[in-house]
Protein backbone atom coordinates (compact mmCIF):
# COMPACT_ATOMS: atom_id res chain seq x y z
CA UNK A 1 0.00 0.00 0.00
CA UNK A 2 2.83 2.39 0.84
CA UNK A 3 4.61 1.69 -2.44
CA UNK A 4 1.39 2.32 -4.38
CA UNK A 5 0.69 5.60 -2.57
CA UNK A 6 4.31 6.72 -2.78
CA UNK A 7 4.57 5.90 -6.48
CA UNK A 8 1.55 8.11 -7.12
CA UNK A 9 3.46 11.02 -5.58
CA UNK A 10 6.64 10.30 -7.51
CA UNK A 11 5.62 12.19 -10.60
CA UNK A 12 8.31 10.56 -12.73
CA UNK A 13 7.59 8.50 -15.79
CA UNK A 14 10.71 6.97 -17.27
CA UNK A 15 10.64 4.53 -20.14
CA UNK A 16 13.16 1.78 -20.77
CA UNK A 17 14.27 3.55 -23.93
CA UNK A 18 15.09 6.70 -21.89
CA UNK A 19 17.07 4.65 -19.36
CA UNK A 20 19.05 2.94 -22.11
CA UNK A 21 19.95 6.35 -23.55
CA UNK A 22 20.72 7.89 -20.14
CA UNK A 23 21.59 5.34 -17.40
CA UNK A 24 21.92 8.24 -14.92
CA UNK A 25 18.12 8.28 -14.78
CA UNK A 26 18.25 5.14 -12.61
CA UNK A 27 20.25 7.05 -9.99
CA UNK A 28 17.87 10.00 -10.22
CA UNK A 29 14.94 7.65 -9.68
CA UNK A 30 16.73 6.11 -6.69
CA UNK A 31 17.20 9.55 -5.11
CA UNK A 32 13.50 10.28 -5.60
CA UNK A 33 12.62 7.01 -3.84
CA UNK A 34 14.83 7.89 -0.87
CA UNK A 35 13.29 11.37 -0.67
CA UNK A 36 9.74 9.96 -0.68
CA UNK A 37 8.99 8.62 2.83
CA UNK A 38 6.09 6.38 1.76
CA UNK A 39 8.11 4.75 -1.01
CA UNK A 40 11.19 4.39 1.16
CA UNK A 41 9.28 2.76 4.05
CA UNK A 42 7.29 0.61 1.62
CA UNK A 43 10.43 -0.76 -0.02
CA UNK A 44 12.11 -1.21 3.38
CA UNK A 45 9.15 -3.27 4.61
CA UNK A 46 9.24 -5.25 1.36
CA UNK A 47 12.91 -6.03 2.05
CA UNK A 48 12.11 -7.12 5.61
CA UNK A 49 9.33 -9.32 4.21
CA UNK A 50 11.83 -10.96 1.85
CA UNK A 51 14.25 -11.73 4.69
CA UNK A 52 11.46 -13.13 6.90
CA UNK A 53 10.15 -15.25 4.03
CA UNK A 54 13.61 -16.71 3.44
CA UNK A 55 13.88 -17.48 7.15
CA UNK A 56 10.44 -19.13 7.17
CA UNK A 57 11.25 -21.19 4.07
CA UNK A 58 14.39 -22.43 5.77
CA UNK A 59 12.52 -24.12 8.58
CA UNK A 60 9.06 -24.98 7.22
CA UNK A 61 7.50 -27.03 4.47
CA UNK A 62 6.90 -25.16 1.25
CA UNK A 63 3.47 -26.76 0.92
CA UNK A 64 2.43 -25.16 4.23
CA UNK A 65 3.80 -21.69 3.60
CA UNK A 66 2.64 -20.95 0.09
CA UNK A 67 -1.09 -21.30 0.82
CA UNK A 68 -0.61 -18.67 3.52
CA UNK A 69 1.26 -16.48 1.06
CA UNK A 70 -1.67 -16.87 -1.36
CA UNK A 71 -3.81 -15.01 1.19
CA UNK A 72 -1.77 -11.91 0.34
CA UNK A 73 -4.15 -11.35 -2.60
CA UNK A 74 -7.07 -11.28 -0.19
CA UNK A 75 -5.43 -8.76 2.17
CA UNK A 76 -4.24 -6.53 -0.66
CA UNK A 77 -7.73 -6.43 -2.15
CA UNK A 78 -9.37 -5.64 1.19
CA UNK A 79 -6.84 -2.91 1.97
CA UNK A 80 -7.11 -1.49 -1.56
CA UNK A 81 -10.86 -1.14 -1.18
CA UNK A 82 -10.68 0.46 2.27
CA UNK A 83 -7.57 2.63 1.94
CA UNK A 84 -7.37 3.44 -1.76
CA UNK A 85 -11.10 3.23 -2.56
CA UNK A 86 -10.52 0.89 -5.47
CA UNK A 87 -13.43 -0.89 -7.12
CA UNK A 88 -14.01 -4.62 -6.67
CA UNK A 89 -16.13 -6.41 -9.24
CA UNK A 90 -17.86 -9.78 -9.16
CA UNK A 91 -14.92 -11.65 -10.72
CA UNK A 92 -12.46 -10.35 -8.12
CA UNK A 93 -14.81 -11.42 -5.33
CA UNK A 94 -15.16 -14.82 -7.00
CA UNK A 95 -11.36 -15.12 -7.27
CA UNK A 96 -10.83 -14.18 -3.64
CA UNK A 97 -13.49 -16.69 -2.60
CA UNK A 98 -11.67 -19.38 -4.60
CA UNK A 99 -8.34 -18.49 -2.94
CA UNK A 100 -9.83 -18.60 0.56
CA UNK A 101 -11.60 -21.89 -0.21
CA UNK A 102 -8.39 -23.39 -1.61
CA UNK A 103 -6.32 -22.33 1.37
CA UNK A 104 -9.01 -23.68 3.70
CA UNK A 105 -9.03 -27.02 1.90
CA UNK A 106 -5.24 -27.27 1.99
CA UNK A 107 -5.13 -26.27 5.66
CA UNK A 108 -7.94 -28.67 6.56
CA UNK A 109 -6.18 -31.49 4.77
CA UNK A 110 -3.02 -30.92 6.82
CA UNK A 111 -4.99 -30.85 10.08
CA UNK A 112 -7.00 -33.97 9.22
CA UNK A 113 -3.80 -35.81 8.33
CA UNK A 114 -2.27 -35.11 11.77
CA UNK A 115 -5.07 -36.92 13.59
CA UNK A 116 -4.31 -40.24 11.87
CA UNK A 117 -1.81 -42.67 13.30
């Protein structure tokens, strides 16, 4: 959410063609990111998320973690509607319902399997 809001304040639009002609634009863009508190904090939190994910993947089963990660789509949609006032249509609601149902089925299957001996 912070990256989205901060990017809206950035005001820069640089194409790949412009960057290839003037590589200094990448540094300029980097300075604008540092100067924008929402973008800077958003990217910092994204970096922390990456480190925590690597740590979690080290000690847990991939089949247990990725269904939880799939719920990110649900949280992003809910936060986008409440914080950014984005529109949600029927197909998005249907997709979110499918994700939640799938994660529930996968989680239920893991729990049911533990009870067996």
